[in-house]
Structures are given as C-alpha cells and as structure tokens.
Amino acid sequence: MNNEDLIKFRDTAHLPPDAGEYADDLIDILNRIPDGWGKWISCGPGWYKLLAETNSKMRHLSPNYEIHQVKEKFGTLRFYWGGHGGHPITINIMDDIVYAAEIKSAYICEECGKYGELRTRGWWIKTLCGTHAEEQGYLVEE
C-alpha cells in the first residue's frame, strides 16, 4: 500500500460492521472527525447508545463541533473533541457532557450495553457484564 492509499484509508469513515440501529449516529460521529485524525470508532457495540446520546447533546450545543477520537482506554470511554470556538460556558457544559459519558461507561458493558463493572485480565482492563467477563477471562477489578 502506497502513501496515497494509506492517507485515503485513514481519511475514509470506517463504520463498525455491528453498528446496527446506531449506524446513522455513528456516521455522524465519523463525519465530525477531520481528515488526518483517522475516522474510526475504537470501542465495542455496548457503548454505541452512549456515543449516540453524547453526540446528540454535543451537537445540540455546538452544531459544528469536531471529534478527534473515540476509543476505549483503561476500561472506559474516551471522547476527544474540539473545534468548538464557542462561548466558555458552552465549552464547560460540553466538557461536562463528555466527562459524564466517560464515567457512565465504567458501568456499561462494552460488549452488550447491560450493567458492567471494571474487570481485569493481566494488565488489560475492560468494563464488562458478568457473562462477557467470564467469556473473555476477566476478573472483577477490586
């Protein structure tokens, strides 16, 4: 793959194949990621509803806001955004929306969306329900 192909791949929206009912919401999220950042969502389907709700609230406050990255890190959601140029109060509210979503993700199974807990497997941390934790060999985080 040459450099031109790599750039095209990076700047193409990569809708997760399991997007289901959240496909339109996830496409909106992907389309908010500027070229050069990589247009994909790096988390499981259990958090898609949370992403859709977060994006809806953010879009309401700042219709042209940008997303820089959406991913799982240390078992919880990370939702990096910018390009707002809005009023400081609006920016603070948007930061609070993102913070609330990131906290909430610690209680939502990343695989299925049911109640979950932070769980460990060696050095890896994920938020999973009991069923998915057992299937993937994770223990409850103490």
Protein backbone atom coordinates (compact mmCIF):
# COMPACT_ATOMS: atom_id res chain seq x y z
CA MET A 1 0.00 0.00 0.00
CA ASN A 2 1.50 3.33 -1.03
CA ASN A 3 1.35 6.58 0.95
CA GLU A 4 -1.61 7.92 -1.07
CA ASP A 5 -3.60 4.76 -0.34
CA LEU A 6 -2.74 4.99 3.38
CA ILE A 7 -3.97 8.59 3.52
CA LYS A 8 -7.19 7.65 1.73
CA PHE A 9 -7.72 4.74 4.14
CA ARG A 10 -7.09 6.97 7.18
CA ASP A 11 -9.49 9.68 5.95
CA THR A 12 -12.34 7.31 4.99
CA ALA A 13 -15.11 6.83 7.57
CA HIS A 14 -14.97 3.25 8.91
CA LEU A 15 -18.44 2.39 10.20
CA PRO A 16 -18.25 -0.57 12.59
CA PRO A 17 -19.92 -3.59 10.98
CA ASP A 18 -22.03 -4.12 14.12
CA ALA A 19 -23.38 -0.52 14.19
CA GLY A 20 -26.97 -1.74 13.76
CA GLU A 21 -29.59 0.77 14.88
CA TYR A 22 -26.84 3.29 15.72
CA ALA A 23 -25.38 3.40 12.19
CA ASP A 24 -26.67 6.92 11.40
CA ASP A 25 -25.42 8.26 14.74
CA LEU A 26 -22.01 6.66 14.29
CA ILE A 27 -21.73 8.00 10.72
CA ASP A 28 -22.41 11.49 12.12
CA ILE A 29 -19.64 10.96 14.66
CA LEU A 30 -17.23 9.69 12.00
CA ASN A 31 -18.04 12.63 9.72
CA ARG A 32 -17.13 15.03 12.54
CA ILE A 33 -13.58 13.68 12.63
CA PRO A 34 -11.35 15.92 10.46
CA ASP A 35 -9.09 14.44 7.80
CA GLY A 36 -5.77 13.43 9.27
CA TRP A 37 -7.13 12.07 12.54
CA GLY A 38 -8.29 8.62 11.41
CA LYS A 39 -12.03 8.08 11.04
CA TRP A 40 -12.92 5.08 13.15
CA ILE A 41 -14.53 4.30 16.48
CA SER A 42 -12.42 2.09 18.75
CA CYS A 43 -14.87 0.64 21.24
CA GLY A 44 -17.42 -2.14 21.44
CA PRO A 45 -21.11 -2.08 20.46
CA GLY A 46 -22.32 -1.88 24.05
CA TRP A 47 -21.26 1.77 24.13
CA TYR A 48 -22.83 2.82 20.81
CA LYS A 49 -26.01 4.07 22.51
CA LEU A 50 -23.90 6.12 24.93
CA LEU A 51 -21.95 7.57 22.00
CA ALA A 52 -25.17 8.45 20.16
CA GLU A 53 -26.61 10.20 23.23
CA THR A 54 -23.37 12.09 23.88
CA ASN A 55 -23.08 13.22 20.27
CA SER A 56 -26.71 14.35 20.23
CA LYS A 57 -26.20 16.56 23.30
CA MET A 58 -22.94 17.97 21.94
CA ARG A 59 -24.44 18.65 18.52
CA HIS A 60 -27.35 20.49 20.15
CA LEU A 61 -24.96 22.88 21.92
CA SER A 62 -22.47 23.29 19.08
CA PRO A 63 -23.69 22.01 15.69
CA ASN A 64 -20.25 22.25 14.08
CA TYR A 65 -18.11 20.75 16.83
CA GLU A 66 -15.38 18.28 15.84
CA ILE A 67 -14.46 14.92 17.24
CA HIS A 68 -10.82 13.92 17.31
CA GLN A 69 -11.02 10.41 18.70
CA VAL A 70 -13.48 7.95 20.22
CA LYS A 71 -11.97 4.93 21.96
CA GLU A 72 -11.72 2.70 25.00
CA LYS A 73 -8.77 3.39 27.28
CA PHE A 74 -8.11 1.78 30.67
CA GLY A 75 -11.57 0.21 30.55
CA THR A 76 -13.63 3.37 29.99
CA LEU A 77 -14.68 5.59 27.12
CA ARG A 78 -12.52 8.43 25.84
CA PHE A 79 -14.28 11.04 23.70
CA TYR A 80 -11.84 13.70 22.50
CA TRP A 81 -13.38 16.75 20.84
CA GLY A 82 -12.54 20.28 19.78
CA GLY A 83 -13.04 22.84 17.04
CA HIS A 84 -15.76 24.49 19.09
CA GLY A 85 -14.84 28.19 19.18
CA GLY A 86 -17.92 28.71 21.31
CA HIS A 87 -18.78 30.58 24.47
CA PRO A 88 -16.77 29.46 27.54
CA ILE A 89 -19.95 28.34 29.30
CA THR A 90 -20.90 26.18 26.31
CA ILE A 91 -17.41 24.67 26.28
CA ASN A 92 -17.67 23.88 30.00
CA ILE A 93 -21.07 22.23 29.51
CA MET A 94 -19.71 20.16 26.62
CA ASP A 95 -16.75 19.09 28.75
CA ASP A 96 -19.23 18.05 31.47
CA ILE A 97 -21.27 16.02 28.95
CA VAL A 98 -18.16 14.15 27.85
CA TYR A 99 -16.99 13.63 31.42
CA ALA A 100 -20.39 12.21 32.39
CA ALA A 101 -20.31 9.80 29.43
CA GLU A 102 -16.82 8.65 30.32
CA ILE A 103 -17.86 7.98 33.95
CA LYS A 104 -21.07 6.25 32.85
CA SER A 105 -19.06 3.94 30.56
CA ALA A 106 -17.48 2.38 33.68
CA TYR A 107 -20.90 0.84 34.41
CA ILE A 108 -21.95 -0.24 30.91
CA CYS A 109 -20.71 -3.46 29.36
CA GLU A 110 -18.70 -2.51 26.30
CA GLU A 111 -19.91 -5.66 24.53
CA CYS A 112 -23.69 -5.68 25.14
CA GLY A 113 -24.73 -2.43 26.88
CA LYS A 114 -26.02 -4.10 30.05
CA TYR A 115 -24.73 -3.24 33.51
CA GLY A 116 -20.99 -3.81 33.69
CA GLU A 117 -18.05 -3.37 36.00
CA LEU A 118 -14.35 -2.69 35.51
CA ARG A 119 -12.62 -6.04 35.15
CA THR A 120 -9.05 -7.13 34.64
CA ARG A 121 -7.17 -9.79 32.71
CA GLY A 122 -3.47 -9.41 33.35
CA TRP A 123 -2.69 -5.78 32.52
CA TRP A 124 -5.86 -5.32 30.43
CA ILE A 125 -8.91 -3.52 31.86
CA LYS A 126 -12.41 -3.55 30.35
CA THR A 127 -15.92 -2.76 31.50
CA LEU A 128 -17.96 -5.93 31.05
CA CYS A 129 -21.06 -7.67 32.38
CA GLY A 130 -20.61 -10.98 34.18
CA THR A 131 -21.33 -13.06 31.08
CA HIS A 132 -18.84 -11.27 28.81
CA ALA A 133 -16.23 -11.11 31.57
CA GLU A 134 -16.44 -14.88 32.02
CA GLU A 135 -16.36 -15.50 28.25
CA GLN A 136 -13.24 -13.33 27.86
CA GLY A 137 -11.47 -14.40 31.06
CA TYR A 138 -11.74 -11.10 33.00
CA LEU A 139 -11.99 -10.75 36.79
CA VAL A 140 -13.81 -8.03 38.76
CA GLU A 141 -11.48 -5.06 39.46
CA GLU A 142 -11.02 -4.59 43.23
